[in-house]
Amino acid sequence: MSNEITIKSVLTEGRSHKFFSDEPVAEDQLRALYDLAKFAPSASNGCPMRITFVTSAEGKEKVLQASMPGNVEKIRSAPVTVIIAYDMVFYDKYHKLAPQMDSPPKEASLPEIALEKIALRSSSLQAGFLMVAARSLGLDCGPMSGFKNNVIDELFYSGTTWRSNFLINLGYGNGEGLRPRAARLDFVEACQIV
C-alpha cells in the first residue's frame, strides 16, 4: 500500500459507492487489480472465480438487460462493471493450481449442486479479496445483486461452464447517494470464543 492508502482507509473508511465519476479506469489498472486479487484463498486452491471486466458501451448494454430498474443508473455511472463469476469445472485447473490433488479429482464426480456450493463459496471469498485489493489501489467498489443471473449467463457465458455470482461497479466514487455509515454489530453480538 502507498503511504496515502492505509488499512483504515481500505477497511473502516471505505464505502460501497452507488455512483461514480467519469474518470476512467485503465486496462493496466484492471490487470494490476487481478494480479493482487489472484492470491486470495480458495478451497484446495481451486480458484473458481472468473471475472468479466465490462468496459464497452456494448457490454454495458448487455448488463443493463439483466439489471433491476433501481440499478440501471448505478451501472451506467461506473466506468467498469465487474461480473464476478465462477467456473463449474474449476477442478480442470488442478494440474496447475493443486498438483497434489488426485487425478482425476474427486470433484469431477460430485453432483452439480455440490460443485456449485464449492465454487460459489470460494468465488465469493476471492471476490471479497478483490474488493479489498481494489480499495488498496485507490479504486472504489459498488457490489450488487439486483440483476437476473440467468440473463447475464445467457448473454456472457452461453456455451461455457461459467456462472455469474454478483456484480461490482468499479471506478472512483462521487459520493452521490451515500448515507451516513450504518451501524455494525459489536463483538459480543456477532462473535463467540469457545
N, C-alpha and C. Protein backbone atom coordinates (compact mmCIF):
# COMPACT_ATOMS: atom_id res chain seq x y z
N MET A 1 0.84 -1.19 0.00
CA MET A 1 0.00 0.00 0.00
C MET A 1 0.88 1.25 0.00
N SER A 2 0.43 2.27 -0.69
CA SER A 2 1.17 3.52 -0.67
C SER A 2 0.97 4.19 0.68
N ASN A 3 1.74 5.24 0.91
CA ASN A 3 1.61 5.97 2.17
C ASN A 3 0.22 6.57 2.34
N GLU A 4 -0.43 6.91 1.20
CA GLU A 4 -1.74 7.54 1.28
C GLU A 4 -2.86 6.54 1.50
N ILE A 5 -2.66 5.30 1.13
CA ILE A 5 -3.68 4.26 1.31
C ILE A 5 -3.32 3.50 2.58
N THR A 6 -4.21 3.54 3.56
CA THR A 6 -3.96 2.89 4.84
C THR A 6 -4.98 1.79 5.08
N ILE A 7 -4.69 0.94 6.04
CA ILE A 7 -5.65 -0.09 6.41
C ILE A 7 -6.98 0.55 6.80
N LYS A 8 -6.91 1.66 7.52
CA LYS A 8 -8.13 2.35 7.93
C LYS A 8 -8.93 2.81 6.70
N SER A 9 -8.25 3.40 5.72
CA SER A 9 -8.98 3.90 4.55
C SER A 9 -9.55 2.76 3.71
N VAL A 10 -8.91 1.60 3.74
CA VAL A 10 -9.39 0.46 2.97
C VAL A 10 -10.53 -0.26 3.68
N LEU A 11 -10.38 -0.47 4.98
CA LEU A 11 -11.33 -1.32 5.71
C LEU A 11 -12.40 -0.57 6.49
N THR A 12 -12.05 0.48 7.20
CA THR A 12 -13.06 1.11 8.06
C THR A 12 -13.62 2.40 7.48
N GLU A 13 -12.91 3.02 6.56
CA GLU A 13 -13.43 4.25 5.94
C GLU A 13 -13.95 4.01 4.52
N GLY A 14 -13.57 2.90 3.92
CA GLY A 14 -14.04 2.58 2.57
C GLY A 14 -15.55 2.39 2.58
N ARG A 15 -16.18 2.83 1.51
CA ARG A 15 -17.63 2.73 1.40
C ARG A 15 -18.01 2.00 0.13
N SER A 16 -19.20 1.44 0.12
CA SER A 16 -19.76 0.85 -1.10
C SER A 16 -20.45 1.97 -1.85
N HIS A 17 -19.88 2.36 -2.97
CA HIS A 17 -20.39 3.51 -3.73
C HIS A 17 -21.52 3.09 -4.67
N LYS A 18 -22.47 4.01 -4.81
CA LYS A 18 -23.59 3.79 -5.71
C LYS A 18 -23.33 4.43 -7.07
N PHE A 19 -22.67 5.58 -7.07
CA PHE A 19 -22.45 6.33 -8.30
C PHE A 19 -20.98 6.73 -8.39
N PHE A 20 -20.53 6.91 -9.63
CA PHE A 20 -19.11 7.10 -9.90
C PHE A 20 -18.87 8.32 -10.79
N SER A 21 -17.67 8.89 -10.66
CA SER A 21 -17.26 9.97 -11.55
C SER A 21 -16.98 9.37 -12.93
N ASP A 22 -16.76 10.24 -13.89
CA ASP A 22 -16.46 9.74 -15.24
C ASP A 22 -14.97 9.50 -15.47
N GLU A 23 -14.17 9.56 -14.41
CA GLU A 23 -12.74 9.26 -14.54
C GLU A 23 -12.57 7.80 -14.93
N PRO A 24 -11.86 7.54 -16.02
CA PRO A 24 -11.75 6.16 -16.49
C PRO A 24 -10.84 5.29 -15.62
N VAL A 25 -11.01 4.00 -15.75
CA VAL A 25 -10.12 3.01 -15.15
C VAL A 25 -9.42 2.33 -16.32
N ALA A 26 -8.11 2.43 -16.34
CA ALA A 26 -7.33 1.91 -17.46
C ALA A 26 -7.17 0.40 -17.37
N GLU A 27 -6.93 -0.22 -18.53
CA GLU A 27 -6.74 -1.67 -18.57
C GLU A 27 -5.57 -2.10 -17.69
N ASP A 28 -4.51 -1.31 -17.63
CA ASP A 28 -3.38 -1.71 -16.78
C ASP A 28 -3.77 -1.71 -15.30
N GLN A 29 -4.72 -0.86 -14.91
CA GLN A 29 -5.22 -0.89 -13.53
C GLN A 29 -6.00 -2.19 -13.27
N LEU A 30 -6.77 -2.63 -14.25
CA LEU A 30 -7.53 -3.88 -14.10
C LEU A 30 -6.58 -5.07 -14.01
N ARG A 31 -5.52 -5.04 -14.80
CA ARG A 31 -4.53 -6.11 -14.74
C ARG A 31 -3.81 -6.11 -13.38
N ALA A 32 -3.47 -4.92 -12.89
CA ALA A 32 -2.82 -4.82 -11.57
C ALA A 32 -3.77 -5.31 -10.47
N LEU A 33 -5.05 -4.99 -10.62
CA LEU A 33 -6.04 -5.45 -9.65
C LEU A 33 -6.10 -6.97 -9.63
N TYR A 34 -6.19 -7.58 -10.80
CA TYR A 34 -6.23 -9.05 -10.83
C TYR A 34 -4.95 -9.65 -10.26
N ASP A 35 -3.81 -9.04 -10.57
CA ASP A 35 -2.53 -9.58 -10.07
C ASP A 35 -2.44 -9.56 -8.55
N LEU A 36 -3.18 -8.68 -7.89
CA LEU A 36 -3.28 -8.72 -6.43
C LEU A 36 -4.34 -9.73 -5.99
N ALA A 37 -5.50 -9.66 -6.61
CA ALA A 37 -6.64 -10.47 -6.18
C ALA A 37 -6.44 -11.96 -6.40
N LYS A 38 -5.59 -12.34 -7.33
CA LYS A 38 -5.41 -13.76 -7.63
C LYS A 38 -4.80 -14.53 -6.47
N PHE A 39 -4.28 -13.83 -5.48
CA PHE A 39 -3.68 -14.50 -4.33
C PHE A 39 -4.69 -14.77 -3.21
N ALA A 40 -5.95 -14.51 -3.47
CA ALA A 40 -7.00 -14.80 -2.48
C ALA A 40 -7.05 -16.30 -2.21
N PRO A 41 -7.42 -16.68 -1.00
CA PRO A 41 -7.57 -18.10 -0.71
C PRO A 41 -8.83 -18.67 -1.35
N SER A 42 -8.79 -19.98 -1.61
CA SER A 42 -9.96 -20.72 -2.09
C SER A 42 -9.77 -22.18 -1.73
N ALA A 43 -10.85 -22.93 -1.69
CA ALA A 43 -10.79 -24.34 -1.30
C ALA A 43 -9.84 -25.10 -2.23
N SER A 44 -8.87 -25.78 -1.64
CA SER A 44 -7.87 -26.57 -2.37
C SER A 44 -7.12 -25.76 -3.42
N ASN A 45 -7.11 -24.44 -3.27
CA ASN A 45 -6.52 -23.53 -4.25
C ASN A 45 -7.15 -23.73 -5.63
N GLY A 46 -8.44 -24.05 -5.63
CA GLY A 46 -9.14 -24.30 -6.88
C GLY A 46 -9.40 -23.06 -7.71
N CYS A 47 -9.36 -21.88 -7.06
CA CYS A 47 -9.51 -20.60 -7.76
C CYS A 47 -10.67 -20.60 -8.76
N PRO A 48 -11.91 -20.84 -8.31
CA PRO A 48 -13.03 -20.90 -9.26
C PRO A 48 -13.51 -19.55 -9.77
N MET A 49 -13.09 -18.45 -9.13
CA MET A 49 -13.57 -17.13 -9.56
C MET A 49 -13.11 -16.85 -10.99
N ARG A 50 -14.05 -16.38 -11.78
CA ARG A 50 -13.77 -15.90 -13.12
C ARG A 50 -14.34 -14.47 -13.19
N ILE A 51 -13.68 -13.61 -13.92
CA ILE A 51 -14.03 -12.19 -13.93
C ILE A 51 -14.25 -11.71 -15.35
N THR A 52 -15.32 -10.97 -15.55
CA THR A 52 -15.52 -10.25 -16.79
C THR A 52 -15.55 -8.77 -16.44
N PHE A 53 -14.54 -8.03 -16.95
CA PHE A 53 -14.50 -6.58 -16.77
C PHE A 53 -15.26 -5.95 -17.94
N VAL A 54 -16.42 -5.42 -17.65
CA VAL A 54 -17.27 -4.83 -18.70
C VAL A 54 -16.97 -3.33 -18.76
N THR A 55 -16.36 -2.91 -19.88
CA THR A 55 -15.97 -1.51 -20.04
C THR A 55 -16.60 -0.87 -21.28
N SER A 56 -17.00 -1.67 -22.24
CA SER A 56 -17.52 -1.13 -23.50
C SER A 56 -19.01 -0.77 -23.37
N ALA A 57 -19.45 0.15 -24.22
CA ALA A 57 -20.87 0.52 -24.25
C ALA A 57 -21.72 -0.69 -24.60
N GLU A 58 -21.25 -1.50 -25.53
CA GLU A 58 -21.98 -2.71 -25.93
C GLU A 58 -22.12 -3.69 -24.76
N GLY A 59 -21.03 -3.89 -24.04
CA GLY A 59 -21.06 -4.78 -22.87
C GLY A 59 -21.98 -4.25 -21.78
N LYS A 60 -21.93 -2.92 -21.56
CA LYS A 60 -22.79 -2.31 -20.53
C LYS A 60 -24.26 -2.51 -20.87
N GLU A 61 -24.60 -2.37 -22.16
CA GLU A 61 -25.99 -2.56 -22.57
C GLU A 61 -26.45 -3.99 -22.28
N LYS A 62 -25.57 -4.95 -22.44
CA LYS A 62 -25.92 -6.33 -22.10
C LYS A 62 -26.17 -6.46 -20.60
N VAL A 63 -25.31 -5.87 -19.79
CA VAL A 63 -25.52 -5.93 -18.33
C VAL A 63 -26.84 -5.27 -17.97
N LEU A 64 -27.14 -4.15 -18.61
CA LEU A 64 -28.38 -3.44 -18.30
C LEU A 64 -29.62 -4.25 -18.64
N GLN A 65 -29.53 -5.14 -19.62
CA GLN A 65 -30.66 -6.02 -19.96
C GLN A 65 -31.02 -6.92 -18.78
N ALA A 66 -30.03 -7.22 -17.94
CA ALA A 66 -30.24 -8.12 -16.81
C ALA A 66 -30.53 -7.37 -15.52
N SER A 67 -30.34 -6.07 -15.52
CA SER A 67 -30.41 -5.27 -14.29
C SER A 67 -31.84 -4.98 -13.85
N MET A 68 -32.02 -4.93 -12.55
CA MET A 68 -33.29 -4.45 -12.00
C MET A 68 -33.31 -2.93 -12.17
N PRO A 69 -34.49 -2.33 -12.32
CA PRO A 69 -34.58 -0.89 -12.62
C PRO A 69 -33.80 0.01 -11.66
N GLY A 70 -33.77 -0.31 -10.39
CA GLY A 70 -33.07 0.53 -9.41
C GLY A 70 -31.56 0.55 -9.55
N ASN A 71 -31.02 -0.35 -10.35
CA ASN A 71 -29.56 -0.41 -10.52
C ASN A 71 -29.07 0.14 -11.85
N VAL A 72 -29.97 0.50 -12.74
CA VAL A 72 -29.59 0.93 -14.08
C VAL A 72 -28.62 2.11 -14.04
N GLU A 73 -28.99 3.18 -13.34
CA GLU A 73 -28.13 4.37 -13.33
C GLU A 73 -26.82 4.12 -12.59
N LYS A 74 -26.83 3.25 -11.61
CA LYS A 74 -25.59 2.90 -10.90
C LYS A 74 -24.62 2.22 -11.87
N ILE A 75 -25.13 1.29 -12.64
CA ILE A 75 -24.29 0.59 -13.62
C ILE A 75 -23.82 1.54 -14.70
N ARG A 76 -24.69 2.40 -15.18
CA ARG A 76 -24.32 3.36 -16.22
C ARG A 76 -23.21 4.30 -15.75
N SER A 77 -23.24 4.68 -14.48
CA SER A 77 -22.28 5.68 -13.99
C SER A 77 -20.87 5.10 -13.81
N ALA A 78 -20.75 3.79 -13.65
CA ALA A 78 -19.45 3.18 -13.35
C ALA A 78 -18.65 2.98 -14.64
N PRO A 79 -17.37 3.36 -14.63
CA PRO A 79 -16.55 3.10 -15.82
C PRO A 79 -16.35 1.61 -16.09
N VAL A 80 -16.43 0.80 -15.04
CA VAL A 80 -16.27 -0.65 -15.18
C VAL A 80 -17.35 -1.34 -14.35
N THR A 81 -18.01 -2.31 -14.94
CA THR A 81 -18.86 -3.21 -14.16
C THR A 81 -18.20 -4.58 -14.23
N VAL A 82 -17.91 -5.12 -13.07
CA VAL A 82 -17.22 -6.40 -12.97
C VAL A 82 -18.27 -7.48 -12.73
N ILE A 83 -18.28 -8.47 -13.60
CA ILE A 83 -19.11 -9.64 -13.34
C ILE A 83 -18.23 -10.65 -12.63
N ILE A 84 -18.57 -10.92 -11.38
CA ILE A 84 -17.88 -11.97 -10.64
C ILE A 84 -18.62 -13.26 -10.97
N ALA A 85 -17.90 -14.20 -11.53
CA ALA A 85 -18.47 -15.47 -11.93
C ALA A 85 -17.65 -16.60 -11.32
N TYR A 86 -18.09 -17.81 -11.55
CA TYR A 86 -17.33 -18.98 -11.11
C TYR A 86 -17.43 -20.04 -12.19
N ASP A 87 -16.39 -20.85 -12.25
CA ASP A 87 -16.32 -21.93 -13.24
C ASP A 87 -16.78 -23.22 -12.58
N MET A 88 -17.79 -23.84 -13.14
CA MET A 88 -18.32 -25.07 -12.56
C MET A 88 -17.35 -26.25 -12.70
N VAL A 89 -16.38 -26.15 -13.59
CA VAL A 89 -15.37 -27.21 -13.70
C VAL A 89 -13.99 -26.65 -13.33
N PHE A 90 -13.98 -25.86 -12.25
CA PHE A 90 -12.74 -25.26 -11.75
C PHE A 90 -11.65 -26.29 -11.53
N TYR A 91 -12.04 -27.51 -11.21
CA TYR A 91 -11.07 -28.57 -10.91
C TYR A 91 -10.24 -28.97 -12.14
N ASP A 92 -10.67 -28.55 -13.33
CA ASP A 92 -9.88 -28.82 -14.53
C ASP A 92 -8.52 -28.11 -14.50
N LYS A 93 -8.37 -27.14 -13.61
CA LYS A 93 -7.11 -26.41 -13.48
C LYS A 93 -6.25 -26.94 -12.33
N TYR A 94 -6.68 -28.01 -11.69
CA TYR A 94 -5.90 -28.55 -10.56
C TYR A 94 -4.48 -28.95 -10.96
N HIS A 95 -4.29 -29.40 -12.20
CA HIS A 95 -2.94 -29.79 -12.62
C HIS A 95 -1.96 -28.63 -12.44
N LYS A 96 -2.45 -27.39 -12.58
CA LYS A 96 -1.60 -26.21 -12.39
C LYS A 96 -1.68 -25.69 -10.96
N LEU A 97 -2.89 -25.62 -10.42
CA LEU A 97 -3.13 -24.94 -9.15
C LEU A 97 -2.97 -25.84 -7.93
N ALA A 98 -3.25 -27.11 -8.07
CA ALA A 98 -3.22 -28.04 -6.94
C ALA A 98 -2.73 -29.40 -7.41
N PRO A 99 -1.47 -29.49 -7.86
CA PRO A 99 -0.98 -30.75 -8.41
C PRO A 99 -0.97 -31.90 -7.41
N GLN A 100 -1.10 -31.59 -6.14
CA GLN A 100 -1.13 -32.64 -5.12
C GLN A 100 -2.47 -33.37 -5.08
N MET A 101 -3.49 -32.83 -5.75
CA MET A 101 -4.82 -33.44 -5.74
C MET A 101 -4.82 -34.70 -6.60
N ASP A 102 -5.71 -35.63 -6.25
CA ASP A 102 -5.85 -36.87 -7.01
C ASP A 102 -6.21 -36.56 -8.46
N SER A 103 -5.81 -37.44 -9.33
CA SER A 103 -6.18 -37.32 -10.74
C SER A 103 -6.84 -38.62 -11.19
N PRO A 104 -8.08 -38.59 -11.61
CA PRO A 104 -8.95 -37.42 -11.68
C PRO A 104 -9.39 -36.99 -10.27
N PRO A 105 -9.66 -35.70 -10.09
CA PRO A 105 -10.05 -35.23 -8.76
C PRO A 105 -11.45 -35.72 -8.37
N LYS A 106 -11.67 -35.85 -7.07
CA LYS A 106 -12.98 -36.30 -6.58
C LYS A 106 -14.10 -35.34 -7.01
N GLU A 107 -13.75 -34.05 -7.20
CA GLU A 107 -14.74 -33.07 -7.61
C GLU A 107 -15.38 -33.42 -8.95
N ALA A 108 -14.63 -34.11 -9.79
CA ALA A 108 -15.15 -34.46 -11.13
C ALA A 108 -16.37 -35.37 -11.05
N SER A 109 -16.55 -36.07 -9.92
CA SER A 109 -17.69 -36.98 -9.79
C SER A 109 -18.76 -36.46 -8.83
N LEU A 110 -18.61 -35.24 -8.33
CA LEU A 110 -19.61 -34.67 -7.43
C LEU A 110 -20.84 -34.23 -8.21
N PRO A 111 -22.01 -34.26 -7.57
CA PRO A 111 -23.20 -33.73 -8.23
C PRO A 111 -23.07 -32.21 -8.42
N GLU A 112 -23.78 -31.70 -9.40
CA GLU A 112 -23.69 -30.28 -9.74
C GLU A 112 -23.98 -29.38 -8.54
N ILE A 113 -24.93 -29.73 -7.71
CA ILE A 113 -25.28 -28.89 -6.56
C ILE A 113 -24.11 -28.78 -5.58
N ALA A 114 -23.36 -29.84 -5.41
CA ALA A 114 -22.19 -29.81 -4.52
C ALA A 114 -21.07 -28.98 -5.13
N LEU A 115 -20.85 -29.13 -6.43
CA LEU A 115 -19.82 -28.33 -7.11
C LEU A 115 -20.15 -26.85 -7.05
N GLU A 116 -21.42 -26.53 -7.28
CA GLU A 116 -21.82 -25.13 -7.25
C GLU A 116 -21.61 -24.52 -5.87
N LYS A 117 -21.88 -25.29 -4.83
CA LYS A 117 -21.66 -24.80 -3.46
C LYS A 117 -20.19 -24.47 -3.23
N ILE A 118 -19.30 -25.33 -3.68
CA ILE A 118 -17.86 -25.08 -3.53
C ILE A 118 -17.45 -23.85 -4.35
N ALA A 119 -17.88 -23.81 -5.60
CA ALA A 119 -17.49 -22.72 -6.49
C ALA A 119 -18.05 -21.38 -6.03
N LEU A 120 -19.29 -21.37 -5.58
CA LEU A 120 -19.92 -20.14 -5.12
C LEU A 120 -19.23 -19.62 -3.86
N ARG A 121 -18.98 -20.51 -2.91
CA ARG A 121 -18.33 -20.11 -1.66
C ARG A 121 -16.93 -19.54 -1.93
N SER A 122 -16.13 -20.28 -2.69
CA SER A 122 -14.75 -19.83 -2.93
C SER A 122 -14.69 -18.58 -3.81
N SER A 123 -15.56 -18.48 -4.81
CA SER A 123 -15.53 -17.28 -5.65
C SER A 123 -15.97 -16.05 -4.87
N SER A 124 -16.88 -16.22 -3.92
CA SER A 124 -17.29 -15.10 -3.07
C SER A 124 -16.14 -14.66 -2.17
N LEU A 125 -15.42 -15.63 -1.62
CA LEU A 125 -14.25 -15.33 -0.81
C LEU A 125 -13.21 -14.58 -1.65
N GLN A 126 -12.95 -15.07 -2.84
CA GLN A 126 -11.98 -14.42 -3.73
C GLN A 126 -12.44 -13.00 -4.09
N ALA A 127 -13.73 -12.82 -4.32
CA ALA A 127 -14.24 -11.50 -4.70
C ALA A 127 -14.12 -10.50 -3.56
N GLY A 128 -14.30 -10.96 -2.32
CA GLY A 128 -14.07 -10.07 -1.18
C GLY A 128 -12.63 -9.57 -1.17
N PHE A 129 -11.72 -10.47 -1.45
CA PHE A 129 -10.31 -10.11 -1.53
C PHE A 129 -10.10 -9.11 -2.68
N LEU A 130 -10.78 -9.31 -3.80
CA LEU A 130 -10.66 -8.40 -4.93
C LEU A 130 -11.11 -6.99 -4.56
N MET A 131 -12.18 -6.88 -3.78
CA MET A 131 -12.66 -5.55 -3.38
C MET A 131 -11.67 -4.86 -2.45
N VAL A 132 -11.06 -5.60 -1.54
CA VAL A 132 -10.03 -5.02 -0.68
C VAL A 132 -8.84 -4.59 -1.53
N ALA A 133 -8.45 -5.42 -2.51
CA ALA A 133 -7.35 -5.07 -3.41
C ALA A 133 -7.69 -3.80 -4.20
N ALA A 134 -8.92 -3.69 -4.68
CA ALA A 134 -9.33 -2.50 -5.44
C ALA A 134 -9.21 -1.26 -4.58
N ARG A 135 -9.70 -1.33 -3.37
CA ARG A 135 -9.58 -0.17 -2.47
C ARG A 135 -8.12 0.16 -2.19
N SER A 136 -7.28 -0.84 -2.06
CA SER A 136 -5.86 -0.58 -1.79
C SER A 136 -5.18 0.10 -2.98
N LEU A 137 -5.75 -0.05 -4.17
CA LEU A 137 -5.23 0.62 -5.37
C LEU A 137 -5.88 1.99 -5.58
N GLY A 138 -6.74 2.40 -4.66
CA GLY A 138 -7.39 3.71 -4.76
C GLY A 138 -8.69 3.71 -5.54
N LEU A 139 -9.19 2.53 -5.87
CA LEU A 139 -10.47 2.42 -6.58
C LEU A 139 -11.61 2.24 -5.59
N ASP A 140 -12.79 2.61 -5.99
CA ASP A 140 -13.99 2.40 -5.18
C ASP A 140 -14.83 1.30 -5.81
N CYS A 141 -15.60 0.63 -4.95
CA CYS A 141 -16.42 -0.51 -5.38
C CYS A 141 -17.88 -0.28 -5.00
N GLY A 142 -18.75 -0.83 -5.80
CA GLY A 142 -20.17 -0.85 -5.51
C GLY A 142 -20.72 -2.23 -5.80
N PRO A 143 -20.53 -3.19 -4.86
CA PRO A 143 -21.04 -4.55 -5.10
C PRO A 143 -22.56 -4.57 -5.13
N MET A 144 -23.12 -5.44 -5.96
CA MET A 144 -24.58 -5.50 -6.04
C MET A 144 -25.07 -6.85 -6.53
N SER A 145 -26.25 -7.18 -6.05
CA SER A 145 -27.04 -8.21 -6.71
C SER A 145 -28.07 -7.41 -7.51
N GLY A 146 -29.33 -7.71 -7.46
CA GLY A 146 -30.31 -6.90 -8.17
C GLY A 146 -30.19 -7.00 -9.68
N PHE A 147 -29.94 -8.22 -10.15
CA PHE A 147 -29.92 -8.49 -11.58
C PHE A 147 -30.34 -9.94 -11.78
N LYS A 148 -30.64 -10.28 -13.00
CA LYS A 148 -31.08 -11.64 -13.32
C LYS A 148 -29.86 -12.45 -13.76
N ASN A 149 -29.43 -13.37 -12.89
CA ASN A 149 -28.26 -14.18 -13.20
C ASN A 149 -28.42 -14.95 -14.50
N ASN A 150 -29.62 -15.48 -14.73
CA ASN A 150 -29.82 -16.28 -15.93
C ASN A 150 -29.64 -15.46 -17.20
N VAL A 151 -29.97 -14.17 -17.15
CA VAL A 151 -29.79 -13.31 -18.32
C VAL A 151 -28.30 -13.02 -18.52
N ILE A 152 -27.59 -12.69 -17.45
CA ILE A 152 -26.13 -12.48 -17.55
C ILE A 152 -25.47 -13.75 -18.09
N ASP A 153 -25.86 -14.89 -17.56
CA ASP A 153 -25.25 -16.15 -18.00
C ASP A 153 -25.51 -16.42 -19.49
N GLU A 154 -26.71 -16.10 -19.94
CA GLU A 154 -27.04 -16.31 -21.36
C GLU A 154 -26.27 -15.33 -22.25
N LEU A 155 -26.19 -14.07 -21.83
CA LEU A 155 -25.55 -13.05 -22.67
C LEU A 155 -24.03 -13.13 -22.68
N PHE A 156 -23.45 -13.55 -21.56
CA PHE A 156 -21.99 -13.54 -21.45
C PHE A 156 -21.36 -14.93 -21.44
N TYR A 157 -22.07 -15.94 -20.95
CA TYR A 157 -21.42 -17.23 -20.70
C TYR A 157 -22.10 -18.42 -21.38
N SER A 158 -22.96 -18.14 -22.35
CA SER A 158 -23.65 -19.22 -23.04
C SER A 158 -22.64 -20.18 -23.67
N GLY A 159 -22.86 -21.47 -23.46
CA GLY A 159 -21.97 -22.48 -24.02
C GLY A 159 -20.68 -22.69 -23.25
N THR A 160 -20.58 -22.05 -22.07
CA THR A 160 -19.40 -22.22 -21.22
C THR A 160 -19.80 -22.86 -19.90
N THR A 161 -18.83 -23.08 -19.04
CA THR A 161 -19.09 -23.62 -17.70
C THR A 161 -19.06 -22.52 -16.64
N TRP A 162 -19.04 -21.27 -17.08
CA TRP A 162 -19.04 -20.14 -16.15
C TRP A 162 -20.48 -19.78 -15.76
N ARG A 163 -20.66 -19.35 -14.50
CA ARG A 163 -21.95 -18.89 -13.99
C ARG A 163 -21.73 -17.60 -13.19
N SER A 164 -22.64 -16.65 -13.31
CA SER A 164 -22.50 -15.38 -12.60
C SER A 164 -22.82 -15.53 -11.12
N ASN A 165 -22.10 -14.76 -10.31
CA ASN A 165 -22.30 -14.72 -8.88
C ASN A 165 -22.92 -13.37 -8.51
N PHE A 166 -22.15 -12.28 -8.65
CA PHE A 166 -22.68 -10.94 -8.40
C PHE A 166 -21.89 -9.93 -9.20
N LEU A 167 -22.29 -8.66 -9.13
CA LEU A 167 -21.65 -7.58 -9.87
C LEU A 167 -20.93 -6.65 -8.92
N ILE A 168 -19.89 -6.01 -9.43
CA ILE A 168 -19.21 -4.93 -8.70
C ILE A 168 -19.02 -3.78 -9.67
N ASN A 169 -19.61 -2.63 -9.37
CA ASN A 169 -19.29 -1.43 -10.13
C ASN A 169 -17.97 -0.91 -9.59
N LEU A 170 -17.10 -0.47 -10.48
CA LEU A 170 -15.73 -0.14 -10.12
C LEU A 170 -15.34 1.18 -10.76
N GLY A 171 -14.67 2.02 -9.99
CA GLY A 171 -14.19 3.30 -10.50
C GLY A 171 -13.84 4.21 -9.35
N TYR A 172 -14.19 5.48 -9.49
CA TYR A 172 -13.92 6.48 -8.47
C TYR A 172 -15.27 7.04 -8.02
N GLY A 173 -15.68 6.64 -6.83
CA GLY A 173 -16.99 7.04 -6.33
C GLY A 173 -17.10 8.55 -6.22
N ASN A 174 -18.30 9.08 -6.55
CA ASN A 174 -18.51 10.52 -6.44
C ASN A 174 -19.24 10.91 -5.16
N GLY A 175 -19.58 9.94 -4.33
CA GLY A 175 -20.22 10.21 -3.06
C GLY A 175 -21.73 10.41 -3.15
N GLU A 176 -22.27 10.52 -4.37
CA GLU A 176 -23.70 10.73 -4.54
C GLU A 176 -24.47 9.53 -4.00
N GLY A 177 -25.50 9.82 -3.23
CA GLY A 177 -26.37 8.77 -2.72
C GLY A 177 -25.85 8.05 -1.49
N LEU A 178 -24.66 8.42 -1.01
CA LEU A 178 -24.14 7.76 0.20
C LEU A 178 -24.87 8.29 1.42
N ARG A 179 -25.31 7.41 2.25
CA ARG A 179 -25.93 7.78 3.52
C ARG A 179 -24.85 7.71 4.59
N PRO A 180 -25.14 8.27 5.78
CA PRO A 180 -24.18 8.08 6.87
C PRO A 180 -23.95 6.58 7.08
N ARG A 181 -22.75 6.23 7.48
CA ARG A 181 -22.41 4.82 7.65
C ARG A 181 -23.39 4.16 8.61
N ALA A 182 -23.90 3.02 8.21
CA ALA A 182 -24.83 2.27 9.04
C ALA A 182 -24.06 1.55 10.16
N ALA A 183 -24.77 1.20 11.20
CA ALA A 183 -24.17 0.50 12.34
C ALA A 183 -23.69 -0.88 11.94
N ARG A 184 -22.79 -1.41 12.71
CA ARG A 184 -22.32 -2.79 12.58
C ARG A 184 -22.51 -3.46 13.94
N LEU A 185 -22.57 -4.76 13.93
CA LEU A 185 -22.72 -5.49 15.19
C LEU A 185 -21.43 -5.41 16.00
N ASP A 186 -21.58 -5.33 17.32
CA ASP A 186 -20.43 -5.37 18.21
C ASP A 186 -19.94 -6.80 18.34
N PHE A 187 -18.74 -6.94 18.84
CA PHE A 187 -18.11 -8.25 19.00
C PHE A 187 -19.04 -9.22 19.73
N VAL A 188 -19.62 -8.77 20.84
CA VAL A 188 -20.44 -9.69 21.65
C VAL A 188 -21.73 -10.09 20.93
N GLU A 189 -22.15 -9.34 19.92
CA GLU A 189 -23.35 -9.69 19.17
C GLU A 189 -23.06 -10.64 18.03
N ALA A 190 -21.83 -10.64 17.54
CA ALA A 190 -21.52 -11.39 16.33
C ALA A 190 -20.49 -12.50 16.52
N CYS A 191 -19.88 -12.55 17.68
CA CYS A 191 -18.76 -13.48 17.87
C CYS A 191 -18.92 -14.28 19.15
N GLN A 192 -18.28 -15.41 19.14
CA GLN A 192 -18.14 -16.19 20.38
C GLN A 192 -16.76 -16.81 20.39
N ILE A 193 -16.26 -16.99 21.58
CA ILE A 193 -14.97 -17.67 21.77
C ILE A 193 -15.29 -18.89 22.61
N VAL A 194 -14.97 -20.06 22.12
CA VAL A 194 -15.29 -21.30 22.85
C VAL A 194 -14.01 -22.08 23.14
